[in-house]
Amino acid sequence: MTNEEKTAAIQALLFYYGEPLAVGKAAKLLGMKEEECASIVEALSTKRNGDPSSGCVILKNGDEIELATKPSLAWIFKKLIEEEFKEELTPASLETIAIVAYLGPVTRAVIDYVRGVNSTFILRNLLIRGLVSRDLAAGKKNVFEYRISFDFLKHMGLSRVEDLPEYQKYKNILQKFEHFEEVEENHENREEIVPESPEL
């Protein structure tokens, strides 16, 4: 890949990931050396953070990076969230909360895999509404697991998650995605092999 293509790849990865990501992990996923990835991130951060026409910035905390909205534009999302709260949950939100309810605790990667689209904004919306909660996954750095909240159970008039309609039937669906989680974990942990002529 050219330098421009690597820069584009890093931006695409950060956009899709939607959460803090270690530079080393980003480099491994993209088949780059960590030093090279860090250098490109630094240049990208300087460019984006200083460009008044860019709506995003690169946040850095230790060895972690994240693509985020410029603080000066936070009013846009505040207005969007206020409008969202005036309305009922969207079909996409209902779909997401159903996955969390029946498959939880579940990672965002699995939720995205089941839905076929990125669920970052919807999950944040559900977190703000207090309908789901999240905790760090045991043994996995910077990976969160989502589950329904006590507020969700109270709104549904349930005393426990197992009281959901046909809970065990749909809970068994999780077994179909356990292989996906194992493949994902093995992909992250195995030595990265860089092809001589990568397809773009």
C-alpha atoms as a PDB file:
ATOM      1  CA  MET A   1       0.000   0.000   0.000  1.00  0.00           C
ATOM      2  CA  THR A   2       1.087   3.581  -0.621  1.00  0.00           C
ATOM      3  CA  ASN A   3       1.334   6.012   2.279  1.00  0.00           C
ATOM      4  CA  GLU A   4      -1.976   7.598   1.232  1.00  0.00           C
ATOM      5  CA  GLU A   5      -3.657   4.201   1.153  1.00  0.00           C
ATOM      6  CA  LYS A   6      -2.279   3.331   4.592  1.00  0.00           C
ATOM      7  CA  THR A   7      -3.602   6.639   5.950  1.00  0.00           C
ATOM      8  CA  ALA A   8      -7.014   5.884   4.461  1.00  0.00           C
ATOM      9  CA  ALA A   9      -6.933   2.354   5.899  1.00  0.00           C
ATOM     10  CA  ILE A  10      -6.179   3.660   9.402  1.00  0.00           C
ATOM     11  CA  GLN A  11      -9.053   6.149   9.198  1.00  0.00           C
ATOM     12  CA  ALA A  12     -11.438   3.444   7.977  1.00  0.00           C
ATOM     13  CA  LEU A  13     -10.377   1.106  10.783  1.00  0.00           C
ATOM     14  CA  LEU A  14     -10.822   3.752  13.482  1.00  0.00           C
ATOM     15  CA  PHE A  15     -14.215   4.759  12.065  1.00  0.00           C
ATOM     16  CA  TYR A  16     -15.461   1.179  12.060  1.00  0.00           C
ATOM     17  CA  TYR A  17     -13.950   0.227  15.435  1.00  0.00           C
ATOM     18  CA  GLY A  18     -15.697   3.088  17.211  1.00  0.00           C
ATOM     19  CA  GLU A  19     -13.763   2.658  20.473  1.00  0.00           C
ATOM     20  CA  PRO A  20     -10.189   3.270  21.706  1.00  0.00           C
ATOM     21  CA  LEU A  21      -7.760   1.063  19.791  1.00  0.00           C
ATOM     22  CA  ALA A  22      -4.135   0.295  20.632  1.00  0.00           C
ATOM     23  CA  VAL A  23      -1.702   1.451  17.937  1.00  0.00           C
ATOM     24  CA  GLY A  24      -0.023  -1.959  18.023  1.00  0.00           C
ATOM     25  CA  LYS A  25      -3.306  -3.725  17.346  1.00  0.00           C
ATOM     26  CA  ALA A  26      -4.135  -1.334  14.505  1.00  0.00           C
ATOM     27  CA  ALA A  27      -0.733  -1.982  12.951  1.00  0.00           C
ATOM     28  CA  LYS A  28      -1.178  -5.744  13.259  1.00  0.00           C
ATOM     29  CA  LEU A  29      -4.632  -5.693  11.660  1.00  0.00           C
ATOM     30  CA  LEU A  30      -3.369  -3.605   8.752  1.00  0.00           C
ATOM     31  CA  GLY A  31      -0.135  -5.532   8.238  1.00  0.00           C
ATOM     32  CA  MET A  32       2.089  -2.605   9.172  1.00  0.00           C
ATOM     33  CA  LYS A  33       4.994  -2.073  11.548  1.00  0.00           C
ATOM     34  CA  GLU A  34       3.919  -0.401  14.779  1.00  0.00           C
ATOM     35  CA  GLU A  35       6.433   2.446  14.355  1.00  0.00           C
ATOM     36  CA  GLU A  36       5.150   3.158  10.856  1.00  0.00           C
ATOM     37  CA  CYS A  37       1.540   3.085  12.031  1.00  0.00           C
ATOM     38  CA  ALA A  38       2.321   5.453  14.907  1.00  0.00           C
ATOM     39  CA  SER A  39       4.044   7.866  12.515  1.00  0.00           C
ATOM     40  CA  ILE A  40       1.059   7.902  10.140  1.00  0.00           C
ATOM     41  CA  VAL A  41      -1.344   8.374  13.055  1.00  0.00           C
ATOM     42  CA  GLU A  42       0.705  11.333  14.281  1.00  0.00           C
ATOM     43  CA  ALA A  43       0.625  12.980  10.854  1.00  0.00           C
ATOM     44  CA  LEU A  44      -3.083  12.234  10.477  1.00  0.00           C
ATOM     45  CA  SER A  45      -3.788  13.662  13.929  1.00  0.00           C
ATOM     46  CA  THR A  46      -1.951  16.894  13.144  1.00  0.00           C
ATOM     47  CA  LYS A  47      -3.773  17.239   9.830  1.00  0.00           C
ATOM     48  CA  ARG A  48      -7.279  16.485  11.130  1.00  0.00           C
ATOM     49  CA  ASN A  49      -7.009  18.354  14.409  1.00  0.00           C
ATOM     50  CA  GLY A  50      -5.764  21.497  12.655  1.00  0.00           C
ATOM     51  CA  ASP A  51      -8.172  21.427   9.714  1.00  0.00           C
ATOM     52  CA  PRO A  52     -11.245  23.642  10.334  1.00  0.00           C
ATOM     53  CA  SER A  53     -13.123  21.818   7.570  1.00  0.00           C
ATOM     54  CA  SER A  54     -12.716  18.438   9.321  1.00  0.00           C
ATOM     55  CA  GLY A  55     -15.453  17.334  11.710  1.00  0.00           C
ATOM     56  CA  CYS A  56     -13.311  14.676  13.358  1.00  0.00           C
ATOM     57  CA  VAL A  57     -10.158  14.543  15.454  1.00  0.00           C
ATOM     58  CA  ILE A  58      -7.784  11.784  16.481  1.00  0.00           C
ATOM     59  CA  LEU A  59      -7.791  11.327  20.260  1.00  0.00           C
ATOM     60  CA  LYS A  60      -4.683   9.840  21.856  1.00  0.00           C
ATOM     61  CA  ASN A  61      -4.418   8.384  25.350  1.00  0.00           C
ATOM     62  CA  GLY A  62      -1.177   6.555  25.999  1.00  0.00           C
ATOM     63  CA  ASP A  63      -0.789   3.965  23.235  1.00  0.00           C
ATOM     64  CA  GLU A  64      -4.500   4.101  22.345  1.00  0.00           C
ATOM     65  CA  ILE A  65      -6.141   6.143  19.597  1.00  0.00           C
ATOM     66  CA  GLU A  66      -9.736   6.892  18.651  1.00  0.00           C
ATOM     67  CA  LEU A  67     -11.527   8.782  15.890  1.00  0.00           C
ATOM     68  CA  ALA A  68     -13.970  11.195  17.511  1.00  0.00           C
ATOM     69  CA  THR A  69     -16.112  14.228  16.776  1.00  0.00           C
ATOM     70  CA  LYS A  70     -14.547  17.627  17.371  1.00  0.00           C
ATOM     71  CA  PRO A  71     -15.592  18.950  20.789  1.00  0.00           C
ATOM     72  CA  SER A  72     -16.784  22.181  19.138  1.00  0.00           C
ATOM     73  CA  LEU A  73     -19.360  20.147  17.179  1.00  0.00           C
ATOM     74  CA  ALA A  74     -20.757  18.244  20.150  1.00  0.00           C
ATOM     75  CA  TRP A  75     -23.949  20.338  19.925  1.00  0.00           C
ATOM     76  CA  ILE A  76     -24.935  18.412  16.789  1.00  0.00           C
ATOM     77  CA  PHE A  77     -25.076  15.103  18.639  1.00  0.00           C
ATOM     78  CA  LYS A  78     -26.699  16.684  21.681  1.00  0.00           C
ATOM     79  CA  LYS A  79     -29.485  17.893  19.409  1.00  0.00           C
ATOM     80  CA  LEU A  80     -29.681  14.506  17.682  1.00  0.00           C
ATOM     81  CA  ILE A  81     -29.938  12.654  20.999  1.00  0.00           C
ATOM     82  CA  GLU A  82     -32.617  15.061  22.241  1.00  0.00           C
ATOM     83  CA  GLU A  83     -34.631  14.370  19.100  1.00  0.00           C
ATOM     84  CA  GLU A  84     -34.094  10.631  19.481  1.00  0.00           C
ATOM     85  CA  PHE A  85     -35.427  10.726  23.042  1.00  0.00           C
ATOM     86  CA  LYS A  86     -38.610  12.413  21.878  1.00  0.00           C
ATOM     87  CA  GLU A  87     -39.353   9.424  19.682  1.00  0.00           C
ATOM     88  CA  GLU A  88     -39.879   5.725  20.257  1.00  0.00           C
ATOM     89  CA  LEU A  89     -37.011   3.314  19.714  1.00  0.00           C
ATOM     90  CA  THR A  90     -36.231   2.835  16.044  1.00  0.00           C
ATOM     91  CA  PRO A  91     -36.451  -0.623  14.440  1.00  0.00           C
ATOM     92  CA  ALA A  92     -32.629  -0.726  14.420  1.00  0.00           C
ATOM     93  CA  SER A  93     -32.553   0.042  18.159  1.00  0.00           C
ATOM     94  CA  LEU A  94     -35.160  -2.628  18.895  1.00  0.00           C
ATOM     95  CA  GLU A  95     -33.194  -5.128  16.829  1.00  0.00           C
ATOM     96  CA  THR A  96     -29.992  -4.302  18.706  1.00  0.00           C
ATOM     97  CA  ILE A  97     -31.536  -4.465  22.174  1.00  0.00           C
ATOM     98  CA  ALA A  98     -33.133  -7.818  21.301  1.00  0.00           C
ATOM     99  CA  ILE A  99     -29.696  -9.204  20.374  1.00  0.00           C
ATOM    100  CA  VAL A 100     -28.218  -7.875  23.620  1.00  0.00           C
ATOM    101  CA  ALA A 101     -31.121  -9.264  25.652  1.00  0.00           C
ATOM    102  CA  TYR A 102     -30.984 -12.782  24.248  1.00  0.00           C
ATOM    103  CA  LEU A 103     -27.276 -13.145  23.528  1.00  0.00           C
ATOM    104  CA  GLY A 104     -25.794 -10.988  26.277  1.00  0.00           C
ATOM    105  CA  PRO A 105     -23.257 -10.571  27.596  1.00  0.00           C
ATOM    106  CA  VAL A 106     -22.161  -9.982  24.015  1.00  0.00           C
ATOM    107  CA  THR A 107     -19.422  -7.949  22.332  1.00  0.00           C
ATOM    108  CA  ARG A 108     -20.112  -5.233  19.782  1.00  0.00           C
ATOM    109  CA  ALA A 109     -18.227  -7.269  17.182  1.00  0.00           C
ATOM    110  CA  VAL A 110     -20.784 -10.069  17.487  1.00  0.00           C
ATOM    111  CA  ILE A 111     -23.690  -7.593  17.462  1.00  0.00           C
ATOM    112  CA  ASP A 112     -22.294  -6.067  14.265  1.00  0.00           C
ATOM    113  CA  TYR A 113     -21.832  -9.545  12.809  1.00  0.00           C
ATOM    114  CA  VAL A 114     -25.433 -10.553  13.533  1.00  0.00           C
ATOM    115  CA  ARG A 115     -26.877  -7.265  12.227  1.00  0.00           C
ATOM    116  CA  GLY A 116     -24.470  -6.878   9.316  1.00  0.00           C
ATOM    117  CA  VAL A 117     -23.859  -3.188  10.081  1.00  0.00           C
ATOM    118  CA  ASN A 118     -21.947  -1.029  12.558  1.00  0.00           C
ATOM    119  CA  SER A 119     -23.890  -0.654  15.822  1.00  0.00           C
ATOM    120  CA  THR A 120     -21.708   1.877  17.634  1.00  0.00           C
ATOM    121  CA  PHE A 121     -24.128   4.816  17.609  1.00  0.00           C
ATOM    122  CA  ILE A 122     -27.154   2.686  18.470  1.00  0.00           C
ATOM    123  CA  LEU A 123     -25.369   1.100  21.424  1.00  0.00           C
ATOM    124  CA  ARG A 124     -24.336   4.523  22.697  1.00  0.00           C
ATOM    125  CA  ASN A 125     -27.945   5.642  22.401  1.00  0.00           C
ATOM    126  CA  LEU A 126     -29.152   2.621  24.361  1.00  0.00           C
ATOM    127  CA  LEU A 127     -26.450   3.224  26.988  1.00  0.00           C
ATOM    128  CA  ILE A 128     -27.575   6.836  27.410  1.00  0.00           C
ATOM    129  CA  ARG A 129     -31.191   5.700  27.715  1.00  0.00           C
ATOM    130  CA  GLY A 130     -30.077   3.284  30.430  1.00  0.00           C
ATOM    131  CA  LEU A 131     -31.478   0.244  28.623  1.00  0.00           C
ATOM    132  CA  VAL A 132     -28.143  -1.578  28.327  1.00  0.00           C
ATOM    133  CA  SER A 133     -24.937  -1.614  30.337  1.00  0.00           C
ATOM    134  CA  ARG A 134     -21.398  -2.589  29.425  1.00  0.00           C
ATOM    135  CA  ASP A 135     -18.328  -3.943  31.178  1.00  0.00           C
ATOM    136  CA  LEU A 136     -14.836  -4.876  30.083  1.00  0.00           C
ATOM    137  CA  ALA A 137     -14.699  -8.463  28.843  1.00  0.00           C
ATOM    138  CA  ALA A 138     -12.631 -10.727  31.067  1.00  0.00           C
ATOM    139  CA  GLY A 139      -9.184 -11.337  29.650  1.00  0.00           C
ATOM    140  CA  LYS A 140      -9.668  -8.995  26.676  1.00  0.00           C
ATOM    141  CA  LYS A 141      -8.121  -5.533  26.734  1.00  0.00           C
ATOM    142  CA  ASN A 142     -10.400  -2.733  25.504  1.00  0.00           C
ATOM    143  CA  VAL A 143     -13.203  -5.134  24.544  1.00  0.00           C
ATOM    144  CA  PHE A 144     -16.593  -4.443  26.086  1.00  0.00           C
ATOM    145  CA  GLU A 145     -19.487  -6.808  26.632  1.00  0.00           C
ATOM    146  CA  TYR A 146     -23.050  -5.508  26.565  1.00  0.00           C
ATOM    147  CA  ARG A 147     -26.012  -6.746  28.563  1.00  0.00           C
ATOM    148  CA  ILE A 148     -29.477  -5.446  29.304  1.00  0.00           C
ATOM    149  CA  SER A 149     -29.837  -3.205  32.355  1.00  0.00           C
ATOM    150  CA  PHE A 150     -32.032  -3.396  35.429  1.00  0.00           C
ATOM    151  CA  ASP A 151     -33.975  -0.449  34.024  1.00  0.00           C
ATOM    152  CA  PHE A 152     -34.797  -2.524  30.941  1.00  0.00           C
ATOM    153  CA  LEU A 153     -36.087  -5.347  33.146  1.00  0.00           C
ATOM    154  CA  LYS A 154     -38.192  -2.880  35.139  1.00  0.00           C
ATOM    155  CA  HIS A 155     -39.651  -1.339  31.975  1.00  0.00           C
ATOM    156  CA  MET A 156     -40.505  -4.842  30.714  1.00  0.00           C
ATOM    157  CA  GLY A 157     -41.966  -5.896  34.050  1.00  0.00           C
ATOM    158  CA  LEU A 158     -39.486  -8.764  34.373  1.00  0.00           C
ATOM    159  CA  SER A 159     -37.603  -9.944  37.440  1.00  0.00           C
ATOM    160  CA  ARG A 160     -34.801 -11.605  35.468  1.00  0.00           C
ATOM    161  CA  VAL A 161     -33.600 -11.867  31.890  1.00  0.00           C
ATOM    162  CA  GLU A 162     -34.620 -15.530  31.721  1.00  0.00           C
ATOM    163  CA  ASP A 163     -38.266 -14.416  31.885  1.00  0.00           C
ATOM    164  CA  LEU A 164     -38.073 -12.990  28.350  1.00  0.00           C
ATOM    165  CA  PRO A 165     -40.339 -14.787  25.846  1.00  0.00           C
ATOM    166  CA  GLU A 166     -38.785 -18.070  24.664  1.00  0.00           C
ATOM    167  CA  TYR A 167     -35.510 -16.998  26.240  1.00  0.00           C
ATOM    168  CA  GLN A 168     -33.713 -20.334  26.070  1.00  0.00           C
ATOM    169  CA  LYS A 169     -34.714 -20.924  22.457  1.00  0.00           C
ATOM    170  CA  TYR A 170     -33.180 -17.652  21.306  1.00  0.00           C
ATOM    171  CA  LYS A 171     -30.308 -17.852  23.762  1.00  0.00           C
ATOM    172  CA  ASN A 172     -29.191 -20.995  21.944  1.00  0.00           C
ATOM    173  CA  ILE A 173     -28.576 -18.832  18.867  1.00  0.00           C
ATOM    174  CA  LEU A 174     -25.402 -17.710  20.626  1.00  0.00           C
ATOM    175  CA  GLN A 175     -23.831 -21.075  19.870  1.00  0.00           C
ATOM    176  CA  LYS A 176     -23.915 -20.206  16.167  1.00  0.00           C
ATOM    177  CA  PHE A 177     -21.668 -17.217  16.786  1.00  0.00           C
ATOM    178  CA  GLU A 178     -19.209 -18.773  19.229  1.00  0.00           C
ATOM    179  CA  HIS A 179     -17.104 -19.973  16.286  1.00  0.00           C
ATOM    180  CA  PHE A 180     -17.035 -16.420  14.927  1.00  0.00           C
ATOM    181  CA  GLU A 181     -15.677 -15.109  18.248  1.00  0.00           C
ATOM    182  CA  GLU A 182     -12.977 -17.796  18.288  1.00  0.00           C
ATOM    183  CA  VAL A 183     -11.958 -16.995  14.708  1.00  0.00           C
ATOM    184  CA  GLU A 184     -11.811 -13.284  15.524  1.00  0.00           C
ATOM    185  CA  GLU A 185      -9.660 -13.886  18.601  1.00  0.00           C
ATOM    186  CA  ASN A 186      -7.316 -16.226  16.751  1.00  0.00           C
ATOM    187  CA  HIS A 187      -6.989 -13.691  13.931  1.00  0.00           C
ATOM    188  CA  GLU A 188      -5.949 -10.989  16.399  1.00  0.00           C
ATOM    189  CA  ASN A 189      -3.436 -13.201  18.172  1.00  0.00           C
ATOM    190  CA  ARG A 190      -1.746 -14.943  15.254  1.00  0.00           C
ATOM    191  CA  GLU A 191       1.360 -13.550  13.571  1.00  0.00           C
ATOM    192  CA  GLU A 192       0.391 -11.146  10.818  1.00  0.00           C
ATOM    193  CA  ILE A 193       1.433 -12.177   7.307  1.00  0.00           C
ATOM    194  CA  VAL A 194       1.754  -9.326   4.848  1.00  0.00           C
ATOM    195  CA  PRO A 195       0.955 -10.296   1.244  1.00  0.00           C
ATOM    196  CA  GLU A 196       3.353  -9.124  -1.442  1.00  0.00           C
ATOM    197  CA  SER A 197       0.593  -7.608  -3.573  1.00  0.00           C
ATOM    198  CA  PRO A 198      -2.399  -6.797  -1.333  1.00  0.00           C
ATOM    199  CA  GLU A 199      -5.735  -6.265  -2.968  1.00  0.00           C
ATOM    200  CA  LEU A 200      -7.266  -2.869  -2.269  1.00  0.00           C
END
